[in-house]
Protein backbone atom coordinates (compact mmCIF):
# COMPACT_ATOMS: atom_id res chain seq x y z
CA MET A 1 0.01 0.01 0.00
CA ASN A 2 1.96 3.05 -1.32
CA GLY A 3 0.86 6.72 -1.04
CA SER A 4 -0.90 6.85 -4.45
CA ARG A 5 -3.04 3.81 -3.73
CA ILE A 6 -3.97 5.08 -0.28
CA GLY A 7 -5.01 8.42 -1.88
CA LEU A 8 -6.98 6.58 -4.57
CA LEU A 9 -8.82 4.50 -1.99
CA PHE A 10 -9.53 7.43 0.24
CA ALA A 11 -10.94 9.40 -2.70
CA ALA A 12 -13.10 6.36 -3.75
CA GLY A 13 -14.31 6.02 -0.15
CA PHE A 14 -15.26 9.73 -0.06
CA VAL A 15 -17.24 9.59 -3.32
CA ALA A 16 -18.83 6.33 -2.18
CA GLY A 17 -19.87 7.72 1.21
CA LEU A 18 -21.35 10.76 -0.54
CA MET A 19 -23.29 8.64 -2.92
CA ASN A 20 -24.59 6.22 -0.29
CA ALA A 21 -25.85 9.08 1.91
CA VAL A 22 -27.71 10.72 -1.01
CA ALA A 23 -28.97 7.72 -3.03
CA GLY A 24 -26.68 4.72 -2.77
CA GLY A 25 -24.43 2.92 -5.22
CA GLY A 26 -21.07 3.65 -3.51
CA THR A 27 -19.89 0.02 -3.98
CA ILE A 28 -19.57 0.67 -7.71
CA VAL A 29 -16.84 3.16 -6.87
CA THR A 30 -14.95 1.30 -4.13
CA PHE A 31 -15.18 -2.16 -5.75
CA PRO A 32 -13.21 -1.33 -8.90
CA ALA A 33 -10.85 0.86 -6.85
CA LEU A 34 -9.96 -2.04 -4.58
CA ILE A 35 -9.49 -4.31 -7.53
CA PHE A 36 -7.10 -1.75 -9.09
CA ALA A 37 -5.26 -1.82 -5.75
CA GLY A 38 -4.51 -5.47 -6.41
CA ILE A 39 -7.22 -7.19 -4.32
CA SER A 40 -9.25 -10.21 -5.74
CA SER A 41 -12.81 -9.56 -6.74
CA ILE A 42 -14.37 -11.56 -3.89
CA GLY A 43 -11.91 -9.95 -1.39
CA ALA A 44 -12.58 -6.48 -2.88
CA ASN A 45 -16.32 -7.05 -2.44
CA ALA A 46 -15.97 -8.11 1.14
CA THR A 47 -13.47 -5.37 1.90
CA SER A 48 -15.71 -2.79 0.36
CA THR A 49 -18.60 -3.84 2.53
CA VAL A 50 -16.55 -3.46 5.76
CA ALA A 51 -14.88 -0.29 4.66
CA LEU A 52 -18.15 1.50 3.87
CA LEU A 53 -19.79 0.52 7.12
CA PRO A 54 -18.47 3.55 9.09
CA GLY A 55 -19.63 5.83 6.28
CA THR A 56 -23.07 4.23 6.29
CA LEU A 57 -23.25 4.86 10.00
CA ALA A 58 -22.18 8.47 9.43
CA GLY A 59 -25.01 8.83 6.92
CA VAL A 60 -27.46 7.51 9.48
CA LEU A 61 -26.25 10.02 12.08
CA GLY A 62 -26.53 12.75 9.46
CA TYR A 63 -30.33 12.12 9.51
CA ARG A 64 -30.66 11.98 13.26
CA ARG A 65 -33.22 14.70 13.44
CA ILE A 66 -35.50 12.77 11.04
CA LEU A 67 -35.02 9.34 12.53
CA PRO A 68 -37.76 9.75 15.29
CA GLU A 69 -40.29 10.38 12.54
CA VAL A 70 -39.44 7.19 10.64
CA TRP A 71 -38.50 4.89 13.55
CA ARG A 72 -41.67 3.00 13.16
CA TRP A 73 -40.70 1.92 9.62
CA ILE A 74 -37.08 1.12 10.62
CA LYS A 75 -38.30 -1.27 13.30
CA MET A 76 -40.79 -2.86 10.88
CA PHE A 77 -38.01 -3.76 8.39
CA ALA A 78 -35.10 -4.35 10.80
CA VAL A 79 -35.41 -8.10 11.21
CA VAL A 80 -35.88 -8.96 7.49
CA SER A 81 -32.99 -6.71 6.73
CA VAL A 82 -30.60 -8.47 9.07
CA VAL A 83 -31.70 -11.96 7.96
CA GLY A 84 -31.54 -11.08 4.29
CA GLY A 85 -28.11 -9.40 4.68
CA LEU A 86 -26.73 -12.59 6.33
CA ILE A 87 -28.21 -14.80 3.55
CA GLY A 88 -26.63 -12.58 0.92
CA ALA A 89 -23.28 -12.72 2.59
CA ILE A 90 -23.34 -16.51 2.79
CA LEU A 91 -24.40 -16.74 -0.91
CA LEU A 92 -21.38 -14.57 -1.85
CA THR A 93 -19.08 -17.38 -0.54
CA LYS A 94 -21.15 -20.20 -2.04
CA THR A 95 -22.24 -18.96 -5.47
CA PRO A 96 -20.11 -18.44 -8.52
CA GLU A 97 -19.58 -14.68 -8.77
CA GLN A 98 -20.05 -14.58 -12.58
CA VAL A 99 -23.72 -15.86 -12.36
CA PHE A 100 -24.91 -13.12 -10.15
CA ALA A 101 -22.72 -10.40 -11.78
CA ARG A 102 -24.67 -10.84 -15.01
CA LEU A 103 -27.91 -9.96 -13.26
CA VAL A 104 -26.62 -6.85 -11.51
CA PRO A 105 -27.06 -4.28 -14.41
CA PHE A 106 -30.58 -5.35 -14.98
CA LEU A 107 -31.51 -5.16 -11.27
CA VAL A 108 -30.12 -1.66 -10.90
CA LEU A 109 -31.66 -0.46 -14.18
CA PHE A 110 -35.07 -1.87 -13.03
CA ALA A 111 -34.68 -0.24 -9.64
CA THR A 112 -33.92 3.12 -11.26
CA ILE A 113 -36.94 3.01 -13.55
CA LEU A 114 -39.05 1.90 -10.61
CA PHE A 115 -37.92 4.81 -8.50
CA THR A 116 -38.42 7.27 -11.31
CA THR A 117 -42.02 6.11 -11.91
CA ARG A 118 -42.83 5.70 -8.23
CA ASP A 119 -45.91 7.94 -8.36
CA PHE A 120 -47.47 5.80 -11.09
CA PHE A 121 -46.87 2.53 -9.13
CA ALA A 122 -48.08 4.07 -5.85
CA ARG A 123 -51.38 4.95 -7.56
CA LEU A 124 -51.51 1.61 -9.32
CA PHE A 125 -51.20 -0.39 -6.15
CA ARG A 126 -52.88 2.21 -3.94
CA LEU A 127 -50.31 1.74 -1.20
CA ASN A 128 -49.92 4.42 1.55
CA ALA A 129 -47.08 4.28 3.99
CA THR A 130 -48.70 6.85 6.22
CA ALA A 131 -51.80 4.79 6.86
CA SER A 132 -52.11 1.89 9.23
CA PRO A 133 -50.38 -0.96 7.46
CA SER A 134 -52.70 -3.60 6.07
CA VAL A 135 -51.77 -7.26 5.74
CA ARG A 136 -51.32 -6.71 1.93
CA TRP A 137 -49.04 -3.77 2.60
CA LEU A 138 -47.02 -5.77 5.19
CA VAL A 139 -46.58 -8.72 2.81
CA ALA A 140 -45.46 -6.45 0.00
CA ALA A 141 -43.13 -4.54 2.17
CA THR A 142 -41.53 -7.68 3.64
CA GLY A 143 -41.09 -9.20 0.19
CA PHE A 144 -39.41 -6.04 -1.23
CA GLN A 145 -37.04 -5.66 1.73
CA ILE A 146 -35.93 -9.32 1.89
CA VAL A 147 -34.97 -9.26 -1.72
CA VAL A 148 -33.09 -5.90 -1.29
CA ALA A 149 -31.36 -7.20 1.83
CA VAL A 150 -30.18 -10.46 0.15
CA TYR A 151 -28.89 -8.46 -2.75
CA GLY A 152 -27.23 -5.96 -0.38
CA GLY A 153 -25.45 -8.67 1.53
CA TYR A 154 -24.25 -10.40 -1.63
CA PHE A 155 -22.91 -7.42 -3.64
CA GLY A 156 -24.52 -4.19 -2.66
CA ALA A 157 -23.92 -1.92 -5.72
CA GLY A 158 -27.16 0.02 -6.13
CA ILE A 159 -28.75 -1.23 -2.90
CA GLY A 160 -29.76 2.38 -2.05
CA ILE A 161 -31.43 2.74 -5.43
CA LEU A 162 -33.29 -0.57 -4.87
CA MET A 163 -34.43 0.48 -1.39
CA LEU A 164 -35.50 3.96 -2.44
CA ALA A 165 -37.44 2.36 -5.27
CA SER A 166 -39.16 -0.12 -2.99
CA LEU A 167 -40.07 2.58 -0.45
CA GLY A 168 -41.45 4.76 -3.22
CA VAL A 169 -43.69 1.91 -4.51
CA LEU A 170 -44.82 1.26 -0.94
CA GLY A 171 -46.15 4.80 -0.62
CA PHE A 172 -43.39 6.87 0.88
CA ASP A 173 -43.39 10.39 -0.63
CA ASP A 174 -40.81 12.42 1.23
CA ILE A 175 -37.35 11.86 -0.14
CA HIS A 176 -35.55 12.88 3.05
CA LYS A 177 -37.58 10.45 5.15
CA MET A 178 -36.94 7.81 2.61
CA ASN A 179 -33.26 8.45 2.74
CA ALA A 180 -33.30 8.22 6.56
CA VAL A 181 -35.05 4.83 6.46
CA LYS A 182 -32.78 3.63 3.67
CA ASN A 183 -29.54 4.60 5.46
CA ALA A 184 -30.63 2.90 8.67
CA LEU A 185 -31.68 -0.33 6.94
CA ALA A 186 -28.56 -0.37 4.77
CA PHE A 187 -26.46 -0.12 7.82
CA LEU A 188 -28.23 -3.17 9.34
CA ILE A 189 -27.71 -5.12 6.13
CA ASN A 190 -24.08 -4.22 5.83
CA VAL A 191 -23.20 -4.75 9.44
CA VAL A 192 -24.32 -8.37 9.50
CA ALA A 193 -22.67 -9.03 6.13
CA ALA A 194 -19.47 -7.32 7.35
CA ALA A 195 -19.48 -9.43 10.50
CA TYR A 196 -19.75 -12.59 8.46
CA PHE A 197 -16.94 -11.53 6.04
CA ILE A 198 -14.65 -10.69 8.98
CA PHE A 199 -15.46 -14.07 10.60
CA LYS A 200 -14.44 -15.77 7.31
CA GLY A 201 -11.16 -13.78 7.15
CA MET A 202 -11.85 -12.11 3.86
CA ILE A 203 -10.88 -8.46 4.66
CA GLU A 204 -7.78 -6.66 3.37
CA TRP A 205 -7.51 -4.36 6.49
CA PRO A 206 -5.05 -1.63 5.22
CA ALA A 207 -7.13 -1.05 2.16
CA ALA A 208 -10.34 -1.11 4.22
CA ALA A 209 -8.96 1.54 6.58
CA ALA A 210 -8.18 3.97 3.64
CA VAL A 211 -11.64 3.56 2.13
CA ALA A 212 -13.36 3.82 5.51
CA ALA A 213 -11.65 7.17 6.33
CA GLY A 214 -12.88 8.66 3.04
CA ALA A 215 -16.38 7.12 3.41
CA ILE A 216 -16.87 8.69 6.92
CA ALA A 217 -16.18 12.19 5.44
CA GLY A 218 -18.29 11.49 2.40
CA GLY A 219 -21.21 10.11 4.48
CA PHE A 220 -21.53 13.25 6.65
CA SER A 221 -21.18 15.50 3.61
CA GLY A 222 -23.76 13.64 1.66
CA ALA A 223 -26.36 13.64 4.41
CA HIS A 224 -25.87 17.38 4.94
CA PHE A 225 -25.99 18.08 1.16
CA SER A 226 -29.21 16.06 0.47
CA GLN A 227 -31.17 17.89 3.14
CA LYS A 228 -30.14 21.36 1.84
CA VAL A 229 -31.63 20.90 -1.63
CA SER A 230 -35.15 20.47 -3.02
CA GLN A 231 -36.79 17.01 -3.23
CA SER A 232 -36.93 17.37 -7.04
CA THR A 233 -33.20 17.91 -7.23
CA VAL A 234 -32.48 14.87 -5.02
CA ARG A 235 -34.80 12.74 -7.09
CA PHE A 236 -32.96 13.89 -10.23
CA CYS A 237 -29.69 12.99 -8.66
CA VAL A 238 -31.04 9.56 -7.65
CA THR A 239 -32.14 8.85 -11.19
CA ALA A 240 -28.88 10.09 -12.63
CA ILE A 241 -26.75 8.03 -10.27
CA GLY A 242 -28.84 4.97 -11.04
CA LEU A 243 -28.49 5.35 -14.75
CA CYS A 244 -24.69 6.01 -14.43
CA ILE A 245 -24.35 2.84 -12.26
CA THR A 246 -26.23 0.85 -14.82
CA ALA A 247 -24.15 2.03 -17.75
CA VAL A 248 -20.91 1.26 -15.87
CA LEU A 249 -22.13 -2.23 -14.98
CA PHE A 250 -23.25 -2.97 -18.49
CA TYR A 251 -19.95 -1.74 -19.83
CA LYS A 252 -17.96 -3.88 -17.51
CA GLN A 253 -20.11 -6.86 -18.47
CA LEU A 254 -19.78 -6.37 -22.17
CA ARG A 255 -16.04 -5.65 -21.88
CA GLY A 256 -15.57 -8.93 -20.05
CA ASN A 257 -17.28 -10.90 -22.82
């Protein structure tokens, strides 16, 4: 780990922390940066999860004033997030990486489209997150979140986009509250996955420390930035980030063929 690589990983961590606090997708920055630093793909994935954990927590703390307003929803999704995150982490060590990697661009693109058209789907399904949850709502919410959590534990690129999309379809209409819920649940997913990766001895600690330092700074900056701008601007940024992530993932997939 020379100075240039440390600087690269710190910068990647900062950008990833910023992205994760605003909309998600930070893994797509840190993952290739860690590979460029000479770490294997599986090790880079695991190291990225652990390294971004402090930044994710910083993003949660950045929304501390909003958390009491959404605590009900965080508690509702906490258990499925933890269970799904653990399942995803186990799958990473058991499933060939290439199989799931081929699905990633399509999942992120679907999530971005879903988030962009959330108003249409909210009307279509007549779901309302502010009302008393019905059995139908709870089943839909649990199904969405377990899929997102498994995906997050396995790879994590675009997990924020997926979660914002699912929250939008389930009837949430305030982007800042959605970000508060998303950051808290993403932390739960990542912390259980990180614990499993540490247990399996998959982490490159010097690289993780460099990324983590940048992610903490980026997480605080992103949470502060996203609450100072209009909801329409944040929604535009979410869509733009989702499309950029999709383009990069498709490019990487085509280049590898």
